N, C-alpha and C. Protein backbone atom coordinates (compact mmCIF):
# COMPACT_ATOMS: atom_id res chain seq x y z
N MET A 1 135.11 157.92 80.01
CA MET A 1 135.48 156.91 79.97
C MET A 1 136.70 156.16 79.38
N ILE A 2 137.69 156.13 79.49
CA ILE A 2 138.96 155.51 78.99
C ILE A 2 139.36 154.61 78.86
N PHE A 3 139.38 153.84 77.74
CA PHE A 3 139.47 152.36 77.49
C PHE A 3 141.12 151.95 77.30
N GLY A 4 142.26 152.90 77.06
CA GLY A 4 143.09 152.60 77.13
C GLY A 4 144.05 153.68 76.60
N THR A 5 145.28 154.09 76.86
CA THR A 5 145.88 154.98 76.40
C THR A 5 146.84 155.15 75.02
N ASN A 6 147.10 153.81 74.67
CA ASN A 6 147.87 153.44 73.84
C ASN A 6 146.83 153.33 72.16
N VAL A 7 146.12 154.57 71.97
CA VAL A 7 145.04 154.29 71.24
C VAL A 7 145.32 154.95 69.60
N PRO A 8 145.65 153.75 68.38
CA PRO A 8 145.87 154.92 67.18
C PRO A 8 144.86 155.67 66.64
N SER A 9 145.28 156.98 65.99
CA SER A 9 144.32 158.15 65.59
C SER A 9 143.76 157.77 64.66
N PHE A 10 143.56 156.23 63.92
CA PHE A 10 142.31 156.45 62.97
C PHE A 10 141.40 155.67 64.02
N PHE A 11 141.27 155.26 65.15
CA PHE A 11 140.22 154.79 66.04
C PHE A 11 139.18 155.87 65.94
N TYR A 12 139.79 157.44 66.16
CA TYR A 12 138.93 158.18 65.78
C TYR A 12 138.40 158.81 64.73
N GLY A 13 139.10 158.48 63.47
CA GLY A 13 138.72 158.79 62.36
C GLY A 13 139.03 160.23 62.15
N ALA A 14 140.06 160.59 62.84
CA ALA A 14 140.45 161.93 62.60
C ALA A 14 142.19 162.02 62.82
N SER A 15 142.49 163.23 62.93
CA SER A 15 143.81 163.35 63.41
C SER A 15 144.10 163.56 64.81
N THR A 16 145.40 163.23 65.32
CA THR A 16 145.36 163.48 66.98
C THR A 16 145.37 164.89 67.23
N ASN A 17 145.04 165.84 66.49
CA ASN A 17 144.34 167.09 66.93
C ASN A 17 142.85 167.22 67.36
N SER A 18 142.25 166.12 67.05
CA SER A 18 140.76 165.82 67.15
C SER A 18 140.41 166.40 68.78
N ASP A 19 139.16 166.67 69.04
CA ASP A 19 138.80 166.81 70.13
C ASP A 19 138.54 165.62 70.77
N CYS A 20 138.02 164.74 70.26
CA CYS A 20 137.96 163.56 71.30
C CYS A 20 139.14 162.84 71.41
N TYR A 21 140.27 163.01 70.37
CA TYR A 21 141.56 162.29 70.84
C TYR A 21 142.41 163.15 72.21
N GLN A 22 142.32 164.53 71.92
CA GLN A 22 142.43 165.55 72.79
C GLN A 22 141.89 165.02 74.80
N GLU A 23 141.07 164.44 74.12
CA GLU A 23 139.74 164.51 75.44
C GLU A 23 140.38 163.32 76.50
N THR A 24 140.88 162.52 75.66
CA THR A 24 141.46 161.06 75.98
C THR A 24 142.60 161.20 76.49
N GLY A 25 143.35 162.07 76.03
CA GLY A 25 144.95 162.28 76.66
C GLY A 25 145.92 161.10 75.89
N GLY A 26 145.21 160.14 74.87
CA GLY A 26 145.79 159.20 74.19
C GLY A 26 147.17 159.65 73.68
N VAL A 27 147.98 158.93 73.43
CA VAL A 27 149.18 158.51 72.75
C VAL A 27 149.31 157.99 71.52
N GLU A 28 149.49 158.86 70.16
CA GLU A 28 149.36 157.83 69.18
C GLU A 28 150.17 156.90 69.05
N SER A 29 149.58 155.59 68.40
CA SER A 29 150.67 154.49 68.45
C SER A 29 150.10 154.01 66.80
N THR A 30 151.32 154.28 66.10
CA THR A 30 150.85 153.37 64.52
C THR A 30 151.63 152.21 64.79
N LEU A 31 150.58 150.99 63.96
CA LEU A 31 151.13 149.70 64.01
C LEU A 31 151.88 149.77 62.33
N HIS A 32 152.24 148.99 62.06
CA HIS A 32 152.97 148.67 60.97
C HIS A 32 152.56 147.17 60.62
N TRP A 33 152.71 146.74 59.61
CA TRP A 33 153.28 145.34 58.92
C TRP A 33 153.87 144.38 59.78
N TYR A 34 155.04 145.13 60.27
CA TYR A 34 156.23 143.92 61.32
C TYR A 34 155.59 143.76 62.57
N HIS A 35 154.39 144.76 62.90
CA HIS A 35 153.45 144.11 63.99
C HIS A 35 152.32 143.19 63.51
N VAL A 36 152.03 143.10 62.45
CA VAL A 36 151.58 142.22 62.46
C VAL A 36 152.05 140.58 62.03
N GLY A 37 153.02 140.54 61.56
CA GLY A 37 154.20 139.71 61.26
C GLY A 37 154.27 139.41 62.82
N ILE A 38 154.88 140.01 63.95
CA ILE A 38 155.15 139.66 65.04
C ILE A 38 154.11 138.77 65.73
N ALA A 39 153.10 139.34 65.47
CA ALA A 39 151.91 138.50 66.13
C ALA A 39 151.30 137.05 65.43
N SER A 40 152.13 136.90 64.15
CA SER A 40 151.97 135.86 63.09
C SER A 40 152.41 135.05 63.79
N THR A 41 153.70 134.97 64.75
CA THR A 41 154.53 133.91 64.75
C THR A 41 153.68 133.39 65.57
N PHE A 42 152.85 133.48 66.67
CA PHE A 42 152.27 132.37 67.20
C PHE A 42 151.65 131.78 66.74
N ILE A 43 150.63 131.85 65.51
CA ILE A 43 150.04 131.42 64.40
C ILE A 43 151.43 130.13 63.53
N ILE A 44 152.00 130.47 63.46
CA ILE A 44 153.66 129.77 62.69
C ILE A 44 153.96 128.51 63.70
N ILE A 45 153.57 129.14 65.35
CA ILE A 45 154.48 128.19 66.37
C ILE A 45 153.07 127.16 66.49
N ASN A 46 151.83 127.65 66.19
CA ASN A 46 150.60 126.30 66.30
C ASN A 46 150.87 125.69 65.70
N GLY A 47 151.37 126.15 64.10
CA GLY A 47 151.23 125.46 62.95
C GLY A 47 152.25 124.26 63.12
N ILE A 48 153.37 124.78 62.92
CA ILE A 48 154.34 123.87 63.47
C ILE A 48 153.59 122.74 64.48
N ILE A 49 153.14 123.12 65.63
CA ILE A 49 152.67 122.21 66.72
C ILE A 49 151.54 121.19 65.96
N SER A 50 150.58 121.50 65.23
CA SER A 50 149.98 121.11 64.61
C SER A 50 150.89 120.01 63.25
N ILE A 51 151.96 120.22 62.95
CA ILE A 51 152.41 119.47 61.92
C ILE A 51 153.16 118.26 62.74
N TRP A 52 153.90 118.52 64.09
CA TRP A 52 154.34 117.57 64.77
C TRP A 52 153.37 116.29 65.32
N LEU A 53 152.52 117.13 65.77
CA LEU A 53 151.46 116.02 66.42
C LEU A 53 150.35 115.58 65.63
N GLY A 54 150.68 116.21 64.63
CA GLY A 54 149.82 115.59 63.36
C GLY A 54 148.37 115.81 63.31
N LEU A 55 148.00 117.13 63.99
CA LEU A 55 146.61 117.41 64.34
C LEU A 55 145.68 117.94 62.93
N HIS A 56 146.75 117.79 62.01
CA HIS A 56 145.85 118.52 60.66
C HIS A 56 145.09 119.78 60.74
N LEU A 57 145.92 120.48 61.42
CA LEU A 57 145.06 121.94 61.73
C LEU A 57 145.90 122.93 60.90
N GLU A 58 146.84 122.90 60.23
CA GLU A 58 147.85 123.87 59.82
C GLU A 58 147.12 124.36 58.60
N ALA A 59 146.85 123.88 57.73
CA ALA A 59 145.90 124.62 56.86
C ALA A 59 144.72 125.49 56.86
N SER A 60 143.89 124.99 57.97
CA SER A 60 142.87 125.89 58.45
C SER A 60 143.63 127.13 59.25
N LEU A 61 144.39 126.60 60.00
CA LEU A 61 145.19 127.71 60.53
C LEU A 61 145.65 129.06 59.48
N PHE A 62 146.32 128.67 58.51
CA PHE A 62 147.00 129.44 57.61
C PHE A 62 145.71 130.04 56.99
N VAL A 63 144.79 129.27 56.29
CA VAL A 63 143.65 129.99 55.48
C VAL A 63 143.02 131.07 56.79
N SER A 64 142.92 130.58 57.76
CA SER A 64 141.91 131.22 58.54
C SER A 64 142.87 133.01 59.11
N SER A 65 144.14 132.68 59.12
CA SER A 65 144.92 133.79 59.76
C SER A 65 144.64 134.81 58.37
N VAL A 66 145.14 134.83 56.97
CA VAL A 66 145.21 135.30 56.14
C VAL A 66 143.49 135.66 55.58
N ARG A 67 142.88 135.07 56.07
CA ARG A 67 141.20 135.76 56.05
C ARG A 67 141.17 136.67 56.83
N CYS A 68 141.41 136.55 57.96
CA CYS A 68 141.08 137.42 59.28
C CYS A 68 142.42 138.95 59.04
N VAL A 69 143.26 138.54 58.82
CA VAL A 69 143.99 139.90 57.69
C VAL A 69 143.52 140.64 56.93
N VAL A 70 143.07 140.27 56.07
CA VAL A 70 141.99 140.93 54.87
C VAL A 70 141.43 141.23 55.66
N GLN A 71 140.26 140.82 55.98
CA GLN A 71 139.29 141.35 56.35
C GLN A 71 139.23 142.28 57.48
N LEU A 72 140.32 142.31 58.34
CA LEU A 72 140.49 143.24 59.55
C LEU A 72 140.93 144.56 58.30
N THR A 73 141.99 144.24 57.73
CA THR A 73 142.42 145.37 56.97
C THR A 73 141.12 146.08 56.09
N LEU A 74 140.51 145.59 55.30
CA LEU A 74 139.57 145.92 54.69
C LEU A 74 138.55 147.03 55.35
N MET A 75 138.13 146.17 56.82
CA MET A 75 137.24 146.69 57.66
C MET A 75 137.42 147.79 58.26
N GLY A 76 138.78 148.35 58.22
CA GLY A 76 139.46 149.78 58.74
C GLY A 76 139.84 150.68 58.07
N LEU A 77 139.79 150.27 56.60
CA LEU A 77 139.66 151.26 55.68
C LEU A 77 138.13 151.57 55.78
N VAL A 78 137.20 150.92 55.86
CA VAL A 78 135.68 150.98 55.78
C VAL A 78 135.73 151.96 56.96
N LEU A 79 135.70 151.53 58.14
CA LEU A 79 135.36 152.10 59.43
C LEU A 79 135.67 153.43 59.41
N GLU A 80 137.08 153.67 58.93
CA GLU A 80 137.42 154.83 58.68
C GLU A 80 136.56 156.03 58.22
N ASP A 81 136.26 155.25 57.10
CA ASP A 81 134.89 156.80 56.58
C ASP A 81 133.64 156.64 57.26
N VAL A 82 133.30 155.85 57.84
CA VAL A 82 132.07 155.18 58.49
C VAL A 82 132.06 156.26 59.94
N PHE A 83 133.19 156.52 60.35
CA PHE A 83 133.81 156.97 61.59
C PHE A 83 133.49 158.64 61.36
N LYS A 84 134.20 158.80 60.01
CA LYS A 84 134.48 160.42 59.91
C LYS A 84 132.96 160.88 59.75
N ALA A 85 131.80 159.87 58.84
CA ALA A 85 130.56 160.31 58.56
C ALA A 85 129.71 160.74 59.79
N ASP A 86 129.74 159.70 60.43
CA ASP A 86 128.90 160.09 61.85
C ASP A 86 127.33 160.16 61.24
N ASN A 87 127.15 159.46 60.48
CA ASN A 87 125.83 159.26 60.08
C ASN A 87 124.89 158.14 60.75
N PRO A 88 123.99 157.94 61.32
CA PRO A 88 123.36 157.13 61.89
C PRO A 88 122.87 156.08 60.70
N PHE A 89 122.41 156.46 59.79
CA PHE A 89 121.84 155.36 58.53
C PHE A 89 122.91 154.77 57.94
N ILE A 90 123.96 155.39 57.96
CA ILE A 90 125.44 154.72 57.23
C ILE A 90 126.01 153.46 58.43
N VAL A 91 125.44 154.11 60.04
CA VAL A 91 125.94 152.96 60.55
C VAL A 91 125.19 151.64 60.96
N LEU A 92 123.86 151.89 60.53
CA LEU A 92 122.67 151.24 60.75
C LEU A 92 123.22 150.07 59.37
N ALA A 93 123.40 150.85 58.16
CA ALA A 93 123.99 150.18 57.15
C ALA A 93 125.12 148.95 57.37
N MET A 94 125.91 149.69 57.97
CA MET A 94 127.14 148.65 58.65
C MET A 94 126.68 147.66 59.35
N ILE A 95 125.91 147.80 60.39
CA ILE A 95 125.69 146.80 61.20
C ILE A 95 124.65 145.76 60.32
N PHE A 96 123.57 145.97 59.27
CA PHE A 96 123.33 144.98 58.31
C PHE A 96 124.10 144.59 57.77
N ILE A 97 124.76 144.84 57.06
CA ILE A 97 126.21 144.23 56.47
C ILE A 97 126.73 143.25 57.43
N LEU A 98 127.30 143.63 58.62
CA LEU A 98 127.63 142.71 59.56
C LEU A 98 126.74 141.13 59.86
N VAL A 99 125.51 141.80 60.15
CA VAL A 99 125.00 140.60 60.70
C VAL A 99 124.37 139.84 59.48
N PHE A 100 124.11 140.23 58.70
CA PHE A 100 124.11 139.38 57.28
C PHE A 100 125.29 138.79 57.17
N LEU A 101 126.38 139.05 57.03
CA LEU A 101 127.42 138.24 57.24
C LEU A 101 127.87 137.19 57.99
N GLY A 102 127.04 137.61 59.27
CA GLY A 102 127.88 136.89 60.41
C GLY A 102 126.25 135.51 60.11
N ALA A 103 125.11 135.84 59.61
CA ALA A 103 124.09 135.03 59.23
C ALA A 103 124.73 133.76 58.40
N ASN A 104 125.10 134.49 57.14
CA ASN A 104 125.56 133.74 56.21
C ASN A 104 126.87 132.65 56.74
N GLU A 105 127.59 133.19 57.53
CA GLU A 105 128.72 132.59 58.19
C GLU A 105 128.20 131.23 58.98
N ILE A 106 127.16 131.48 59.64
CA ILE A 106 126.41 130.26 60.33
C ILE A 106 125.72 129.60 59.89
N VAL A 107 125.12 129.61 58.95
CA VAL A 107 124.52 128.66 58.00
C VAL A 107 125.25 127.89 57.07
N LEU A 108 126.18 128.48 56.14
CA LEU A 108 126.77 128.07 55.18
C LEU A 108 128.21 127.68 55.73
N HIS A 109 128.92 127.80 56.72
CA HIS A 109 130.17 127.20 57.11
C HIS A 109 130.06 126.53 58.42
N LYS A 110 129.09 126.77 59.16
CA LYS A 110 129.15 125.99 60.63
C LYS A 110 128.16 125.30 61.18
N SER A 111 127.12 125.38 59.96
CA SER A 111 125.82 124.32 60.00
C SER A 111 126.36 123.16 59.30
N LYS A 112 126.26 122.07 59.98
CA LYS A 112 126.49 120.67 58.68
C LYS A 112 125.28 120.40 58.07
N ARG A 113 123.84 120.71 58.82
CA ARG A 113 122.42 120.26 59.08
C ARG A 113 121.70 121.87 58.76
N ARG A 114 120.81 121.69 57.64
CA ARG A 114 120.28 122.74 57.50
C ARG A 114 118.45 122.14 57.76
N HIS A 115 117.87 123.72 57.45
CA HIS A 115 116.49 123.31 57.25
C HIS A 115 115.86 124.26 56.55
N SER A 116 114.66 124.14 55.62
CA SER A 116 113.56 125.03 54.97
C SER A 116 113.95 126.26 55.86
N GLY A 117 114.60 127.48 55.27
CA GLY A 117 114.42 128.93 55.92
C GLY A 117 115.03 128.93 57.26
N MET A 118 116.05 128.28 56.97
CA MET A 118 117.03 128.35 58.47
C MET A 118 117.83 129.73 58.07
N PHE A 119 118.16 130.25 56.89
CA PHE A 119 119.07 131.44 56.89
C PHE A 119 118.21 132.57 57.47
N ILE A 120 116.98 132.96 57.04
CA ILE A 120 116.06 133.97 57.26
C ILE A 120 115.63 133.66 59.20
N SER A 121 115.64 132.89 59.77
CA SER A 121 115.35 132.77 60.85
C SER A 121 116.64 132.67 61.68
N VAL A 122 117.82 132.71 61.32
CA VAL A 122 119.21 132.73 61.85
C VAL A 122 119.59 134.54 61.50
N LEU A 123 118.89 134.84 60.88
CA LEU A 123 119.05 136.58 60.48
C LEU A 123 118.44 137.07 61.26
N LEU A 124 117.24 136.84 61.46
CA LEU A 124 116.53 137.29 62.15
C LEU A 124 116.51 137.43 63.88
N SER A 125 117.00 135.99 64.29
CA SER A 125 117.16 135.97 65.84
C SER A 125 118.83 136.70 66.03
N LEU A 126 119.92 136.74 64.89
CA LEU A 126 120.84 137.71 65.11
C LEU A 126 120.81 138.75 65.36
N GLY A 127 120.33 139.62 64.36
CA GLY A 127 119.94 140.71 63.90
C GLY A 127 119.41 141.25 65.03
N LEU A 128 118.19 140.64 65.40
CA LEU A 128 117.23 141.51 66.61
C LEU A 128 117.79 141.21 67.74
N SER A 129 118.16 139.98 68.44
CA SER A 129 118.89 139.99 69.60
C SER A 129 119.98 140.76 69.85
N THR A 130 120.79 141.00 69.01
CA THR A 130 122.25 141.88 69.12
C THR A 130 121.58 143.57 68.75
N LEU A 131 121.02 143.34 68.34
CA LEU A 131 120.96 144.89 67.98
C LEU A 131 119.87 145.48 68.86
N VAL A 132 118.74 144.82 69.78
CA VAL A 132 118.15 145.38 70.88
C VAL A 132 119.34 145.75 72.05
N ILE A 133 120.27 144.71 72.38
CA ILE A 133 121.06 144.51 73.20
C ILE A 133 121.84 145.31 73.43
N GLY A 134 122.48 145.90 71.95
CA GLY A 134 123.62 146.67 71.73
C GLY A 134 123.23 148.08 72.37
N THR A 135 121.71 148.06 71.41
CA THR A 135 120.93 149.78 71.27
C THR A 135 120.96 150.28 73.06
N ILE A 136 120.36 149.39 73.72
CA ILE A 136 120.27 149.51 75.27
C ILE A 136 121.64 149.64 75.94
N GLY A 137 122.93 148.62 75.65
CA GLY A 137 123.52 149.16 76.16
C GLY A 137 124.34 150.45 75.48
N SER A 138 124.25 150.31 74.27
CA SER A 138 125.17 151.89 73.93
C SER A 138 124.36 153.36 74.83
N ARG A 139 123.18 152.97 75.17
CA ARG A 139 122.42 154.10 75.66
C ARG A 139 122.27 154.34 76.97
N TYR A 140 122.16 153.43 77.45
CA TYR A 140 122.06 153.36 78.97
C TYR A 140 123.10 153.12 79.55
N ALA A 141 123.69 151.91 79.59
CA ALA A 141 125.00 151.39 80.22
C ALA A 141 126.43 152.03 80.03
N LEU A 142 126.33 152.54 78.68
CA LEU A 142 127.54 153.37 78.31
C LEU A 142 127.38 154.85 78.41
N ASP A 143 126.11 155.15 78.57
CA ASP A 143 125.34 156.55 78.60
C ASP A 143 125.28 157.49 77.42
N GLN A 144 125.45 157.23 76.20
CA GLN A 144 125.83 157.56 74.95
C GLN A 144 124.22 158.06 74.32
N LYS A 145 124.02 159.52 74.78
CA LYS A 145 123.25 160.16 73.86
C LYS A 145 122.16 159.57 72.76
N GLU A 146 123.57 159.35 71.66
CA GLU A 146 123.31 158.88 70.38
C GLU A 146 123.58 157.91 70.34
N PHE A 147 123.15 156.29 70.69
CA PHE A 147 123.78 155.54 71.17
C PHE A 147 124.16 154.91 69.46
N TRP A 148 124.01 155.45 68.10
CA TRP A 148 124.27 155.05 67.01
C TRP A 148 125.92 155.43 67.39
N ASN A 149 126.14 156.20 68.16
CA ASN A 149 127.69 156.94 68.09
C ASN A 149 128.51 155.86 67.69
N PRO A 150 129.04 155.73 66.34
CA PRO A 150 129.80 154.66 65.57
C PRO A 150 131.08 154.40 66.15
N ARG A 151 131.97 155.01 67.32
CA ARG A 151 132.77 154.56 67.78
C ARG A 151 132.62 154.00 68.77
N ILE A 152 131.63 153.70 69.54
CA ILE A 152 131.08 153.07 70.38
C ILE A 152 130.07 151.77 69.99
N PHE A 153 129.26 152.16 69.35
CA PHE A 153 128.21 151.30 68.92
C PHE A 153 128.62 149.84 67.94
N ILE A 154 129.20 150.14 66.78
CA ILE A 154 129.99 149.22 66.21
C ILE A 154 131.00 148.22 66.62
N PRO A 155 131.84 148.56 67.41
CA PRO A 155 132.50 147.92 68.61
C PRO A 155 132.03 147.10 69.13
N THR A 156 130.95 147.57 69.87
CA THR A 156 130.01 146.73 70.86
C THR A 156 129.05 146.16 70.01
N MET A 157 128.79 146.12 68.51
CA MET A 157 127.51 145.09 67.92
C MET A 157 128.87 144.46 67.78
N GLY A 158 130.16 144.32 67.20
CA GLY A 158 130.89 143.33 66.93
C GLY A 158 130.99 142.34 68.17
N MET A 159 131.46 142.64 69.24
CA MET A 159 131.52 141.88 70.59
C MET A 159 129.98 141.12 70.47
N LEU A 160 128.95 141.84 70.69
CA LEU A 160 127.74 140.96 70.32
C LEU A 160 127.30 139.66 69.52
N LEU A 161 127.66 140.16 68.24
CA LEU A 161 127.64 139.72 66.72
C LEU A 161 128.30 138.14 67.04
N GLY A 162 129.81 138.31 67.54
CA GLY A 162 130.67 137.28 67.91
C GLY A 162 130.06 136.29 68.96
N ASN A 163 129.58 137.04 70.08
CA ASN A 163 128.80 135.95 70.99
C ASN A 163 127.88 135.31 70.45
N GLY A 164 126.88 136.09 69.90
CA GLY A 164 125.64 135.35 69.17
C GLY A 164 125.65 134.13 68.15
N MET A 165 127.09 134.57 67.36
CA MET A 165 127.07 133.49 66.12
C MET A 165 127.32 132.44 67.05
N SER A 166 128.40 132.27 67.56
CA SER A 166 128.98 131.03 68.36
C SER A 166 127.79 130.67 69.26
N ALA A 167 127.01 130.92 69.76
CA ALA A 167 125.84 130.57 70.48
C ALA A 167 124.70 129.90 69.54
N ILE A 168 124.46 130.71 68.75
CA ILE A 168 123.57 130.14 67.55
C ILE A 168 123.83 128.98 66.72
N ALA A 169 125.46 128.88 66.61
CA ALA A 169 126.01 127.97 65.75
C ALA A 169 126.10 126.68 66.54
N VAL A 170 126.34 126.97 67.95
CA VAL A 170 126.36 125.79 68.55
C VAL A 170 124.94 124.99 68.94
N GLY A 171 124.26 126.19 69.30
CA GLY A 171 122.61 125.53 69.55
C GLY A 171 122.05 124.76 68.53
N THR A 172 122.17 125.39 67.18
CA THR A 172 121.58 125.22 65.79
C THR A 172 122.06 123.75 65.93
N SER A 173 122.94 123.41 65.74
CA SER A 173 124.06 122.28 65.34
C SER A 173 123.43 121.15 66.43
N TYR A 174 123.62 121.61 67.51
CA TYR A 174 123.00 120.06 68.23
C TYR A 174 121.82 119.88 68.42
N ALA A 175 120.67 120.69 68.33
CA ALA A 175 119.38 120.75 68.05
C ALA A 175 119.11 119.66 66.51
N LEU A 176 119.75 120.33 65.63
CA LEU A 176 119.42 119.50 64.28
C LEU A 176 120.09 118.09 64.08
N ASN A 177 121.28 117.91 65.15
CA ASN A 177 121.81 116.59 65.24
C ASN A 177 120.75 115.80 65.75
N GLN A 178 120.34 116.19 66.89
CA GLN A 178 119.59 115.41 67.77
C GLN A 178 118.05 115.18 66.94
N PHE A 179 117.48 116.39 66.45
CA PHE A 179 116.53 115.95 65.71
C PHE A 179 116.44 114.59 64.28
N SER A 180 117.75 114.65 64.20
CA SER A 180 117.94 113.55 62.96
C SER A 180 118.27 112.71 63.17
N GLU A 181 119.13 112.24 64.47
CA GLU A 181 119.56 111.16 65.33
C GLU A 181 118.44 110.44 66.25
N GLN A 182 117.62 111.29 66.66
CA GLN A 182 116.19 110.89 67.29
C GLN A 182 114.93 111.12 66.89
N LYS A 183 115.16 110.81 65.41
CA LYS A 183 114.04 110.77 64.32
C LYS A 183 113.09 109.97 64.91
N GLU A 184 113.20 108.74 65.06
CA GLU A 184 112.32 107.64 65.38
C GLU A 184 111.74 107.80 66.75
N LYS A 185 112.21 108.36 67.84
CA LYS A 185 112.12 108.41 69.30
C LYS A 185 111.49 109.87 68.90
N LEU A 186 111.21 110.75 68.77
CA LEU A 186 110.30 112.12 68.79
C LEU A 186 109.33 111.78 67.86
N GLU A 187 109.18 110.71 66.63
CA GLU A 187 108.02 110.50 66.24
C GLU A 187 107.18 109.55 67.06
N LEU A 188 107.45 108.75 67.78
CA LEU A 188 106.82 107.70 68.99
C LEU A 188 106.40 108.90 69.79
N TYR A 189 106.98 109.84 70.42
CA TYR A 189 106.28 110.59 71.35
C TYR A 189 104.88 111.38 70.59
N LEU A 190 105.16 112.05 69.66
CA LEU A 190 104.05 112.32 68.54
C LEU A 190 102.69 111.68 68.26
N SER A 191 103.37 110.39 68.03
CA SER A 191 102.40 109.42 67.92
C SER A 191 101.33 108.84 69.19
N PHE A 192 102.16 109.79 70.12
CA PHE A 192 101.34 109.37 71.77
C PHE A 192 100.66 110.48 71.81
N GLY A 193 100.40 111.29 71.13
CA GLY A 193 99.78 112.38 71.72
C GLY A 193 100.46 113.51 72.16
N ALA A 194 102.04 113.56 72.18
CA ALA A 194 102.42 114.66 72.73
C ALA A 194 102.52 115.87 71.62
N SER A 195 102.58 116.70 72.33
CA SER A 195 102.59 118.35 71.24
C SER A 195 104.15 118.24 70.58
N ARG A 196 104.43 119.19 69.47
CA ARG A 196 105.95 119.20 69.24
C ARG A 196 106.66 119.77 70.02
N TRP A 197 106.33 120.60 71.22
CA TRP A 197 107.03 121.24 72.29
C TRP A 197 107.41 120.64 73.28
N GLU A 198 106.27 119.57 73.40
CA GLU A 198 106.65 118.70 74.74
C GLU A 198 107.52 117.38 73.71
N ALA A 199 107.95 117.38 72.79
CA ALA A 199 108.84 116.23 71.96
C ALA A 199 110.07 116.70 71.73
N GLY A 200 109.92 117.93 71.76
CA GLY A 200 111.37 118.56 71.39
C GLY A 200 111.98 119.38 72.74
N ARG A 201 111.27 119.46 73.18
CA ARG A 201 111.83 120.29 74.91
C ARG A 201 113.03 119.89 75.31
N PRO A 202 113.25 118.65 75.25
CA PRO A 202 114.54 117.83 75.83
C PRO A 202 115.58 118.82 75.02
N VAL A 203 115.29 118.24 73.59
CA VAL A 203 116.49 118.80 72.96
C VAL A 203 116.94 120.19 72.89
N ALA A 204 115.54 121.16 72.98
CA ALA A 204 115.70 122.51 73.02
C ALA A 204 116.65 123.21 74.10
N VAL A 205 116.18 122.51 75.62
CA VAL A 205 116.44 122.93 76.56
C VAL A 205 118.19 123.00 76.76
N GLU A 206 118.43 121.35 76.39
CA GLU A 206 119.85 121.16 76.20
C GLU A 206 121.10 122.31 74.93
N ALA A 207 119.86 122.19 73.94
CA ALA A 207 120.67 123.28 73.14
C ALA A 207 120.99 124.78 73.60
N ILE A 208 119.93 125.46 74.41
CA ILE A 208 120.08 126.70 74.75
C ILE A 208 121.33 126.38 75.72
N ARG A 209 121.33 125.20 76.73
CA ARG A 209 122.20 125.02 77.85
C ARG A 209 123.67 125.18 77.20
N LEU A 210 123.90 124.53 76.17
CA LEU A 210 125.18 124.19 75.51
C LEU A 210 125.49 125.83 75.00
N ALA A 211 124.65 126.57 73.99
CA ALA A 211 124.90 127.39 73.62
C ALA A 211 125.25 128.91 74.11
N MET A 212 125.07 128.68 76.02
CA MET A 212 124.80 129.60 76.89
C MET A 212 126.42 129.24 77.43
N LEU A 213 126.91 128.17 77.18
CA LEU A 213 127.93 127.71 77.89
C LEU A 213 129.34 128.46 77.84
N PRO A 214 129.56 128.93 76.50
CA PRO A 214 130.89 129.27 76.00
C PRO A 214 130.71 131.23 76.50
N THR A 215 129.54 131.62 76.68
CA THR A 215 129.65 132.86 77.22
C THR A 215 129.65 132.78 78.74
N ILE A 216 128.93 131.98 79.31
CA ILE A 216 129.04 131.59 81.29
C ILE A 216 130.73 131.54 81.08
N ASN A 217 131.18 131.00 80.59
CA ASN A 217 132.83 130.09 80.76
C ASN A 217 133.59 131.73 80.65
N SER A 218 133.36 133.03 79.93
CA SER A 218 134.15 133.75 79.40
C SER A 218 133.78 134.87 80.26
N MET A 219 132.84 134.83 80.94
CA MET A 219 132.55 135.85 82.38
C MET A 219 133.06 135.13 83.60
N ARG A 220 133.99 133.86 84.04
CA ARG A 220 134.18 133.60 85.02
C ARG A 220 135.79 133.63 85.47
């Protein structure tokens, strides 16, 4: 399966003479910093619009853009060695680091409210769900006998983690906000004999629905 023709050689973790590169019939395309600069013009335009309309988003745009460039640059340097090593234990270690960072981002930066043990629950939910789906998808949907093939498995897990982080952040934030704002109502249900599930079910259902909406909308 060929996903594109203009594929940078570092994606394969080898030179353009590699077997994998020859099989795809790809054409080497080297990216330079001025390409990043061209792409950054759209961020600058958004920043100007933010200043003009008084949205106060220009600082966040700048910080996020710099952070994105730094993270992707470091990730590219690390992934090149991971691709060359082609070792399942290194791949799984890389996945664990990504899951850990994702859980940390959700708990510390995307959730205004927190509960005890939240990091562990988010870490397990994010890690187990994406790992199971990624493994099945890589092995059967993408027909990889070695499901941990870093050139396939790591990008797949990256996409799954992105969707999973958004869903967990939205669902968790909504649920915690509702539990806090409807505290008296929930306690009233419990005082009349309702179980914790019966009292919290409407909140849980709506949280799951909201968490699924971004993924569903992206599929339309």
